[in-house]
């Protein structure tokens, strides 16, 4: 919940062109559950990743909605040629 509030605040304070760029780039970053493979965009989770290193891979701790477990999730930029996202 706090992440969504932070996202809302940053988008409201930033110029419109920046906010649009932040959202577009944040939607390219996928958060994947290491247990079940479920993926969501970072933006859907309330995160912002803007002007980040394209090759960087990282991990974050969180709860997966479908499998209901807490654990590590991989955060990586989606390949632009990938046309579908698993939900």
PDB file of N, CA and C in Angstrom:
ATOM      1  N   UNK A   1       0.821  -1.191   0.000  1.00  0.00           N
ATOM      2  CA  UNK A   1       0.000   0.000   0.000  1.00  0.00           C
ATOM      3  C   UNK A   1       0.869   1.260   0.000  1.00  0.00           C
ATOM      4  N   UNK A   2       1.929   1.250   0.783  1.00  0.00           N
ATOM      5  CA  UNK A   2       2.816   2.411   0.845  1.00  0.00           C
ATOM      6  C   UNK A   2       3.487   2.661  -0.497  1.00  0.00           C
ATOM      7  N   UNK A   3       3.793   1.584  -1.233  1.00  0.00           N
ATOM      8  CA  UNK A   3       4.435   1.740  -2.538  1.00  0.00           C
ATOM      9  C   UNK A   3       3.502   2.463  -3.508  1.00  0.00           C
ATOM     10  N   UNK A   4       2.235   2.140  -3.485  1.00  0.00           N
ATOM     11  CA  UNK A   4       1.268   2.802  -4.366  1.00  0.00           C
ATOM     12  C   UNK A   4       1.141   4.288  -4.018  1.00  0.00           C
ATOM     13  N   UNK A   5       1.162   4.608  -2.732  1.00  0.00           N
ATOM     14  CA  UNK A   5       1.090   6.021  -2.314  1.00  0.00           C
ATOM     15  C   UNK A   5       2.318   6.787  -2.782  1.00  0.00           C
ATOM     16  N   UNK A   6       3.484   6.162  -2.654  1.00  0.00           N
ATOM     17  CA  UNK A   6       4.726   6.800  -3.105  1.00  0.00           C
ATOM     18  C   UNK A   6       4.671   7.025  -4.618  1.00  0.00           C
ATOM     19  N   UNK A   7       4.221   6.005  -5.349  1.00  0.00           N
ATOM     20  CA  UNK A   7       4.109   6.113  -6.801  1.00  0.00           C
ATOM     21  C   UNK A   7       3.162   7.261  -7.167  1.00  0.00           C
ATOM     22  N   UNK A   8       2.023   7.339  -6.501  1.00  0.00           N
ATOM     23  CA  UNK A   8       1.037   8.371  -6.765  1.00  0.00           C
ATOM     24  C   UNK A   8       1.643   9.754  -6.519  1.00  0.00           C
ATOM     25  N   UNK A   9       2.358   9.906  -5.405  1.00  0.00           N
ATOM     26  CA  UNK A   9       2.961  11.182  -5.057  1.00  0.00           C
ATOM     27  C   UNK A   9       4.007  11.613  -6.088  1.00  0.00           C
ATOM     28  N   UNK A  10       4.873  10.700  -6.459  1.00  0.00           N
ATOM     29  CA  UNK A  10       5.925  11.028  -7.439  1.00  0.00           C
ATOM     30  C   UNK A  10       5.314  11.421  -8.775  1.00  0.00           C
ATOM     31  N   UNK A  11       4.304  10.691  -9.221  1.00  0.00           N
ATOM     32  CA  UNK A  11       3.663  10.987 -10.505  1.00  0.00           C
ATOM     33  C   UNK A  11       2.958  12.342 -10.456  1.00  0.00           C
ATOM     34  N   UNK A  12       2.357  12.683  -9.329  1.00  0.00           N
ATOM     35  CA  UNK A  12       1.666  13.968  -9.204  1.00  0.00           C
ATOM     36  C   UNK A  12       2.631  15.150  -9.171  1.00  0.00           C
ATOM     37  N   UNK A  13       3.809  14.956  -8.596  1.00  0.00           N
ATOM     38  CA  UNK A  13       4.765  16.048  -8.470  1.00  0.00           C
ATOM     39  C   UNK A  13       5.643  16.235  -9.706  1.00  0.00           C
ATOM     40  N   UNK A  14       5.817  15.192 -10.474  1.00  0.00           N
ATOM     41  CA  UNK A  14       6.691  15.249 -11.656  1.00  0.00           C
ATOM     42  C   UNK A  14       5.951  15.886 -12.834  1.00  0.00           C
ATOM     43  N   UNK A  15       6.695  16.509 -13.740  1.00  0.00           N
ATOM     44  CA  UNK A  15       6.058  17.008 -14.966  1.00  0.00           C
ATOM     45  C   UNK A  15       5.403  15.845 -15.719  1.00  0.00           C
ATOM     46  N   UNK A  16       4.358  16.133 -16.466  1.00  0.00           N
ATOM     47  CA  UNK A  16       3.598  15.077 -17.164  1.00  0.00           C
ATOM     48  C   UNK A  16       4.462  14.209 -18.067  1.00  0.00           C
ATOM     49  N   UNK A  17       5.385  14.825 -18.782  1.00  0.00           N
ATOM     50  CA  UNK A  17       6.238  14.040 -19.688  1.00  0.00           C
ATOM     51  C   UNK A  17       7.115  13.072 -18.896  1.00  0.00           C
ATOM     52  N   UNK A  18       7.618  13.497 -17.756  1.00  0.00           N
ATOM     53  CA  UNK A  18       8.428  12.616 -16.903  1.00  0.00           C
ATOM     54  C   UNK A  18       7.573  11.495 -16.343  1.00  0.00           C
ATOM     55  N   UNK A  19       6.371  11.842 -15.869  1.00  0.00           N
ATOM     56  CA  UNK A  19       5.474  10.835 -15.287  1.00  0.00           C
ATOM     57  C   UNK A  19       5.132   9.767 -16.321  1.00  0.00           C
ATOM     58  N   UNK A  20       4.875  10.185 -17.555  1.00  0.00           N
ATOM     59  CA  UNK A  20       4.561   9.224 -18.624  1.00  0.00           C
ATOM     60  C   UNK A  20       5.765   8.339 -18.921  1.00  0.00           C
ATOM     61  N   UNK A  21       6.947   8.930 -18.935  1.00  0.00           N
ATOM     62  CA  UNK A  21       8.167   8.151 -19.181  1.00  0.00           C
ATOM     63  C   UNK A  21       8.428   7.175 -18.041  1.00  0.00           C
ATOM     64  N   UNK A  22       8.196   7.614 -16.795  1.00  0.00           N
ATOM     65  CA  UNK A  22       8.372   6.731 -15.639  1.00  0.00           C
ATOM     66  C   UNK A  22       7.438   5.527 -15.727  1.00  0.00           C
ATOM     67  N   UNK A  23       6.190   5.790 -16.047  1.00  0.00           N
ATOM     68  CA  UNK A  23       5.220   4.698 -16.138  1.00  0.00           C
ATOM     69  C   UNK A  23       5.581   3.734 -17.262  1.00  0.00           C
ATOM     70  N   UNK A  24       5.913   4.269 -18.429  1.00  0.00           N
ATOM     71  CA  UNK A  24       6.244   3.410 -19.570  1.00  0.00           C
ATOM     72  C   UNK A  24       7.444   2.520 -19.271  1.00  0.00           C
ATOM     73  N   UNK A  25       8.484   3.096 -18.680  1.00  0.00           N
ATOM     74  CA  UNK A  25       9.672   2.304 -18.389  1.00  0.00           C
ATOM     75  C   UNK A  25       9.435   1.323 -17.247  1.00  0.00           C
ATOM     76  N   UNK A  26       8.670   1.731 -16.249  1.00  0.00           N
ATOM     77  CA  UNK A  26       8.383   0.840 -15.118  1.00  0.00           C
ATOM     78  C   UNK A  26       7.554  -0.361 -15.557  1.00  0.00           C
ATOM     79  N   UNK A  27       6.742  -0.192 -16.586  1.00  0.00           N
ATOM     80  CA  UNK A  27       5.948  -1.313 -17.112  1.00  0.00           C
ATOM     81  C   UNK A  27       6.805  -2.326 -17.866  1.00  0.00           C
ATOM     82  N   UNK A  28       8.019  -1.948 -18.237  1.00  0.00           N
ATOM     83  CA  UNK A  28       8.937  -2.886 -18.909  1.00  0.00           C
ATOM     84  C   UNK A  28       9.656  -3.791 -17.917  1.00  0.00           C
ATOM     85  N   UNK A  29       9.688  -3.411 -16.648  1.00  0.00           N
ATOM     86  CA  UNK A  29      10.361  -4.208 -15.621  1.00  0.00           C
ATOM     87  C   UNK A  29       9.376  -5.201 -15.032  1.00  0.00           C
ATOM     88  N   UNK A  30       9.719  -6.473 -15.085  1.00  0.00           N
ATOM     89  CA  UNK A  30       8.844  -7.540 -14.617  1.00  0.00           C
ATOM     90  C   UNK A  30       9.341  -8.098 -13.290  1.00  0.00           C
ATOM     91  N   UNK A  31       8.390  -8.389 -12.406  1.00  0.00           N
ATOM     92  CA  UNK A  31       8.686  -9.006 -11.114  1.00  0.00           C
ATOM     93  C   UNK A  31       8.126 -10.422 -11.192  1.00  0.00           C
ATOM     94  N   UNK A  32       8.999 -11.429 -11.066  1.00  0.00           N
ATOM     95  CA  UNK A  32       8.604 -12.825 -11.226  1.00  0.00           C
ATOM     96  C   UNK A  32       8.824 -13.602  -9.940  1.00  0.00           C
ATOM     97  N   UNK A  33       7.797 -14.350  -9.533  1.00  0.00           N
ATOM     98  CA  UNK A  33       7.902 -15.209  -8.359  1.00  0.00           C
ATOM     99  C   UNK A  33       8.826 -16.379  -8.701  1.00  0.00           C
ATOM    100  N   UNK A  34       9.809 -16.612  -7.859  1.00  0.00           N
ATOM    101  CA  UNK A  34      10.749 -17.707  -8.113  1.00  0.00           C
ATOM    102  C   UNK A  34      10.120 -19.069  -7.857  1.00  0.00           C
ATOM    103  N   UNK A  35       9.030 -19.098  -7.106  1.00  0.00           N
ATOM    104  CA  UNK A  35       8.372 -20.370  -6.806  1.00  0.00           C
ATOM    105  C   UNK A  35       7.442 -20.835  -7.913  1.00  0.00           C
ATOM    106  N   UNK A  36       6.489 -19.966  -8.302  1.00  0.00           N
ATOM    107  CA  UNK A  36       5.470 -20.401  -9.271  1.00  0.00           C
ATOM    108  C   UNK A  36       5.645 -19.780 -10.658  1.00  0.00           C
ATOM    109  N   UNK A  37       6.479 -18.747 -10.795  1.00  0.00           N
ATOM    110  CA  UNK A  37       6.725 -18.133 -12.096  1.00  0.00           C
ATOM    111  C   UNK A  37       5.749 -17.024 -12.470  1.00  0.00           C
ATOM    112  N   UNK A  38       4.834 -16.675 -11.593  1.00  0.00           N
ATOM    113  CA  UNK A  38       3.872 -15.609 -11.875  1.00  0.00           C
ATOM    114  C   UNK A  38       4.598 -14.282 -12.053  1.00  0.00           C
ATOM    115  N   UNK A  39       4.196 -13.521 -13.073  1.00  0.00           N
ATOM    116  CA  UNK A  39       4.842 -12.238 -13.378  1.00  0.00           C
ATOM    117  C   UNK A  39       3.844 -11.093 -13.330  1.00  0.00           C
ATOM    118  N   UNK A  40       4.337  -9.945 -12.866  1.00  0.00           N
ATOM    119  CA  UNK A  40       3.596  -8.696 -12.902  1.00  0.00           C
ATOM    120  C   UNK A  40       4.590  -7.593 -13.224  1.00  0.00           C
ATOM    121  N   UNK A  41       4.069  -6.476 -13.730  1.00  0.00           N
ATOM    122  CA  UNK A  41       4.970  -5.353 -13.978  1.00  0.00           C
ATOM    123  C   UNK A  41       5.253  -4.657 -12.659  1.00  0.00           C
ATOM    124  N   UNK A  42       6.394  -4.054 -12.597  1.00  0.00           N
ATOM    125  CA  UNK A  42       6.772  -3.302 -11.406  1.00  0.00           C
ATOM    126  C   UNK A  42       5.774  -2.179 -11.150  1.00  0.00           C
ATOM    127  N   UNK A  43       5.261  -1.583 -12.221  1.00  0.00           N
ATOM    128  CA  UNK A  43       4.297  -0.493 -12.089  1.00  0.00           C
ATOM    129  C   UNK A  43       3.022  -0.975 -11.394  1.00  0.00           C
ATOM    130  N   UNK A  44       2.552  -2.175 -11.744  1.00  0.00           N
ATOM    131  CA  UNK A  44       1.347  -2.730 -11.117  1.00  0.00           C
ATOM    132  C   UNK A  44       1.521  -2.901  -9.613  1.00  0.00           C
ATOM    133  N   UNK A  45       2.745  -3.143  -9.192  1.00  0.00           N
ATOM    134  CA  UNK A  45       3.025  -3.342  -7.778  1.00  0.00           C
ATOM    135  C   UNK A  45       3.254  -2.033  -7.027  1.00  0.00           C
ATOM    136  N   UNK A  46       3.218  -0.920  -7.758  1.00  0.00           N
ATOM    137  CA  UNK A  46       3.410   0.377  -7.114  1.00  0.00           C
ATOM    138  C   UNK A  46       4.838   0.871  -7.166  1.00  0.00           C
ATOM    139  N   UNK A  47       5.670   0.207  -7.949  1.00  0.00           N
ATOM    140  CA  UNK A  47       7.069   0.591  -8.041  1.00  0.00           C
ATOM    141  C   UNK A  47       7.363   1.510  -9.205  1.00  0.00           C
ATOM    142  N   UNK A  48       8.491   2.173  -9.123  1.00  0.00           N
ATOM    143  CA  UNK A  48       8.978   3.023 -10.207  1.00  0.00           C
ATOM    144  C   UNK A  48      10.425   2.654 -10.456  1.00  0.00           C
ATOM    145  N   UNK A  49      10.735   2.386 -11.688  1.00  0.00           N
ATOM    146  CA  UNK A  49      12.124   2.133 -12.086  1.00  0.00           C
ATOM    147  C   UNK A  49      12.320   2.929 -13.361  1.00  0.00           C
ATOM    148  N   UNK A  50      13.053   4.011 -13.260  1.00  0.00           N
ATOM    149  CA  UNK A  50      13.193   4.946 -14.371  1.00  0.00           C
ATOM    150  C   UNK A  50      14.663   5.221 -14.613  1.00  0.00           C
ATOM    151  N   UNK A  51      15.062   5.157 -15.858  1.00  0.00           N
ATOM    152  CA  UNK A  51      16.451   5.365 -16.273  1.00  0.00           C
ATOM    153  C   UNK A  51      17.402   4.398 -15.559  1.00  0.00           C
ATOM    154  N   UNK A  52      16.942   3.182 -15.390  1.00  0.00           N
ATOM    155  CA  UNK A  52      17.736   2.161 -14.718  1.00  0.00           C
ATOM    156  C   UNK A  52      18.630   1.438 -15.724  1.00  0.00           C
ATOM    157  N   UNK A  53      19.642   0.787 -15.213  1.00  0.00           N
ATOM    158  CA  UNK A  53      20.563   0.019 -16.040  1.00  0.00           C
ATOM    159  C   UNK A  53      19.801  -1.098 -16.742  1.00  0.00           C
ATOM    160  N   UNK A  54      19.897  -1.166 -18.047  1.00  0.00           N
ATOM    161  CA  UNK A  54      19.137  -2.147 -18.829  1.00  0.00           C
ATOM    162  C   UNK A  54      19.553  -3.589 -18.546  1.00  0.00           C
ATOM    163  N   UNK A  55      20.791  -3.825 -18.240  1.00  0.00           N
ATOM    164  CA  UNK A  55      21.275  -5.191 -18.051  1.00  0.00           C
ATOM    165  C   UNK A  55      21.117  -5.674 -16.617  1.00  0.00           C
ATOM    166  N   UNK A  56      20.773  -4.781 -15.741  1.00  0.00           N
ATOM    167  CA  UNK A  56      20.727  -5.130 -14.327  1.00  0.00           C
ATOM    168  C   UNK A  56      19.577  -6.077 -14.007  1.00  0.00           C
ATOM    169  N   UNK A  57      19.885  -7.056 -13.195  1.00  0.00           N
ATOM    170  CA  UNK A  57      18.903  -7.986 -12.637  1.00  0.00           C
ATOM    171  C   UNK A  57      19.012  -7.874 -11.143  1.00  0.00           C
ATOM    172  N   UNK A  58      17.877  -7.875 -10.485  1.00  0.00           N
ATOM    173  CA  UNK A  58      17.891  -7.754  -9.047  1.00  0.00           C
ATOM    174  C   UNK A  58      16.787  -8.621  -8.462  1.00  0.00           C
ATOM    175  N   UNK A  59      16.673  -8.633  -7.166  1.00  0.00           N
ATOM    176  CA  UNK A  59      15.631  -9.418  -6.506  1.00  0.00           C
ATOM    177  C   UNK A  59      14.997  -8.574  -5.414  1.00  0.00           C
ATOM    178  N   UNK A  60      13.767  -8.894  -5.104  1.00  0.00           N
ATOM    179  CA  UNK A  60      13.044  -8.221  -4.043  1.00  0.00           C
ATOM    180  C   UNK A  60      12.220  -9.237  -3.272  1.00  0.00           C
ATOM    181  N   UNK A  61      11.983  -8.960  -2.018  1.00  0.00           N
ATOM    182  CA  UNK A  61      11.195  -9.844  -1.165  1.00  0.00           C
ATOM    183  C   UNK A  61       9.734  -9.426  -1.278  1.00  0.00           C
ATOM    184  N   UNK A  62       8.835 -10.388  -1.418  1.00  0.00           N
ATOM    185  CA  UNK A  62       7.421 -10.036  -1.504  1.00  0.00           C
ATOM    186  C   UNK A  62       6.521 -11.242  -1.392  1.00  0.00           C
ATOM    187  N   UNK A  63       5.232 -10.966  -1.473  1.00  0.00           N
ATOM    188  CA  UNK A  63       4.214 -12.016  -1.398  1.00  0.00           C
ATOM    189  C   UNK A  63       3.621 -12.204  -2.790  1.00  0.00           C
ATOM    190  N   UNK A  64       3.496 -13.445  -3.199  1.00  0.00           N
ATOM    191  CA  UNK A  64       2.935 -13.777  -4.508  1.00  0.00           C
ATOM    192  C   UNK A  64       1.437 -14.023  -4.347  1.00  0.00           C
ATOM    193  N   UNK A  65       0.619 -13.336  -5.125  1.00  0.00           N
ATOM    194  CA  UNK A  65      -0.833 -13.497  -5.024  1.00  0.00           C
ATOM    195  C   UNK A  65      -1.305 -14.907  -5.377  1.00  0.00           C
ATOM    196  N   UNK A  66      -0.890 -15.457  -6.522  1.00  0.00           N
ATOM    197  CA  UNK A  66      -1.409 -16.776  -6.900  1.00  0.00           C
ATOM    198  C   UNK A  66      -0.997 -17.923  -5.973  1.00  0.00           C
ATOM    199  N   UNK A  67       0.288 -17.992  -5.609  1.00  0.00           N
ATOM    200  CA  UNK A  67       0.713 -19.131  -4.791  1.00  0.00           C
ATOM    201  C   UNK A  67       0.653 -18.815  -3.301  1.00  0.00           C
ATOM    202  N   UNK A  68       0.476 -17.533  -2.948  1.00  0.00           N
ATOM    203  CA  UNK A  68       0.284 -17.141  -1.562  1.00  0.00           C
ATOM    204  C   UNK A  68       1.500 -17.274  -0.662  1.00  0.00           C
ATOM    205  N   UNK A  69       2.670 -17.441  -1.242  1.00  0.00           N
ATOM    206  CA  UNK A  69       3.863 -17.587  -0.416  1.00  0.00           C
ATOM    207  C   UNK A  69       4.694 -16.310  -0.438  1.00  0.00           C
ATOM    208  N   UNK A  70       5.425 -16.110   0.636  1.00  0.00           N
ATOM    209  CA  UNK A  70       6.375 -15.004   0.698  1.00  0.00           C
ATOM    210  C   UNK A  70       7.726 -15.549   0.275  1.00  0.00           C
ATOM    211  N   UNK A  71       8.437 -14.764  -0.509  1.00  0.00           N
ATOM    212  CA  UNK A  71       9.746 -15.214  -0.943  1.00  0.00           C
ATOM    213  C   UNK A  71      10.385 -14.208  -1.874  1.00  0.00           C
ATOM    214  N   UNK A  72      11.507 -14.615  -2.431  1.00  0.00           N
ATOM    215  CA  UNK A  72      12.266 -13.750  -3.327  1.00  0.00           C
ATOM    216  C   UNK A  72      11.634 -13.751  -4.710  1.00  0.00           C
ATOM    217  N   UNK A  73      11.590 -12.574  -5.296  1.00  0.00           N
ATOM    218  CA  UNK A  73      11.082 -12.388  -6.650  1.00  0.00           C
ATOM    219  C   UNK A  73      12.193 -11.753  -7.478  1.00  0.00           C
ATOM    220  N   UNK A  74      12.356 -12.219  -8.684  1.00  0.00           N
ATOM    221  CA  UNK A  74      13.358 -11.672  -9.591  1.00  0.00           C
ATOM    222  C   UNK A  74      12.778 -10.459 -10.311  1.00  0.00           C
ATOM    223  N   UNK A  75      13.563  -9.396 -10.393  1.00  0.00           N
ATOM    224  CA  UNK A  75      13.163  -8.191 -11.108  1.00  0.00           C
ATOM    225  C   UNK A  75      14.095  -8.055 -12.305  1.00  0.00           C
ATOM    226  N   UNK A  76      13.530  -8.068 -13.505  1.00  0.00           N
ATOM    227  CA  UNK A  76      14.345  -7.965 -14.719  1.00  0.00           C
ATOM    228  C   UNK A  76      13.562  -7.229 -15.794  1.00  0.00           C
ATOM    229  N   UNK A  77      14.282  -6.591 -16.666  1.00  0.00           N
ATOM    230  CA  UNK A  77      13.639  -5.869 -17.762  1.00  0.00           C
ATOM    231  C   UNK A  77      13.170  -6.856 -18.810  1.00  0.00           C
ATOM    232  N   UNK A  78      11.937  -6.707 -19.220  1.00  0.00           N
ATOM    233  CA  UNK A  78      11.347  -7.571 -20.234  1.00  0.00           C
ATOM    234  C   UNK A  78      11.970  -7.258 -21.588  1.00  0.00           C
ATOM    235  N   UNK A  79      12.202  -8.286 -22.351  1.00  0.00           N
ATOM    236  CA  UNK A  79      12.717  -8.127 -23.705  1.00  0.00           C
ATOM    237  C   UNK A  79      11.655  -7.428 -24.536  1.00  0.00           C
ATOM    238  N   UNK A  80      12.018  -6.393 -25.256  1.00  0.00           N
ATOM    239  CA  UNK A  80      11.051  -5.633 -26.051  1.00  0.00           C
ATOM    240  C   UNK A  80      10.430  -6.457 -27.168  1.00  0.00           C
ATOM    241  N   UNK A  81      11.072  -7.537 -27.577  1.00  0.00           N
ATOM    242  CA  UNK A  81      10.501  -8.369 -28.651  1.00  0.00           C
ATOM    243  C   UNK A  81       9.443  -9.321 -28.116  1.00  0.00           C
ATOM    244  N   UNK A  82       9.374  -9.451 -26.793  1.00  0.00           N
ATOM    245  CA  UNK A  82       8.399 -10.350 -26.164  1.00  0.00           C
ATOM    246  C   UNK A  82       7.009  -9.717 -26.289  1.00  0.00           C
ATOM    247  N   UNK A  83       6.078 -10.415 -26.923  1.00  0.00           N
ATOM    248  CA  UNK A  83       4.772  -9.824 -27.178  1.00  0.00           C
ATOM    249  C   UNK A  83       3.739 -10.168 -26.126  1.00  0.00           C
ATOM    250  N   UNK A  84       3.958 -11.220 -25.356  1.00  0.00           N
ATOM    251  CA  UNK A  84       2.960 -11.599 -24.359  1.00  0.00           C
ATOM    252  C   UNK A  84       3.567 -11.606 -22.964  1.00  0.00           C
ATOM    253  N   UNK A  85       2.713 -11.357 -22.007  1.00  0.00           N
ATOM    254  CA  UNK A  85       3.115 -11.384 -20.603  1.00  0.00           C
ATOM    255  C   UNK A  85       2.256 -12.429 -19.927  1.00  0.00           C
ATOM    256  N   UNK A  86       2.894 -13.316 -19.186  1.00  0.00           N
ATOM    257  CA  UNK A  86       2.115 -14.310 -18.448  1.00  0.00           C
ATOM    258  C   UNK A  86       1.499 -13.653 -17.235  1.00  0.00           C
ATOM    259  N   UNK A  87       0.208 -13.936 -17.008  1.00  0.00           N
ATOM    260  CA  UNK A  87      -0.456 -13.394 -15.813  1.00  0.00           C
ATOM    261  C   UNK A  87      -1.049 -14.493 -14.992  1.00  0.00           C
TER     262      UNK A  87
END
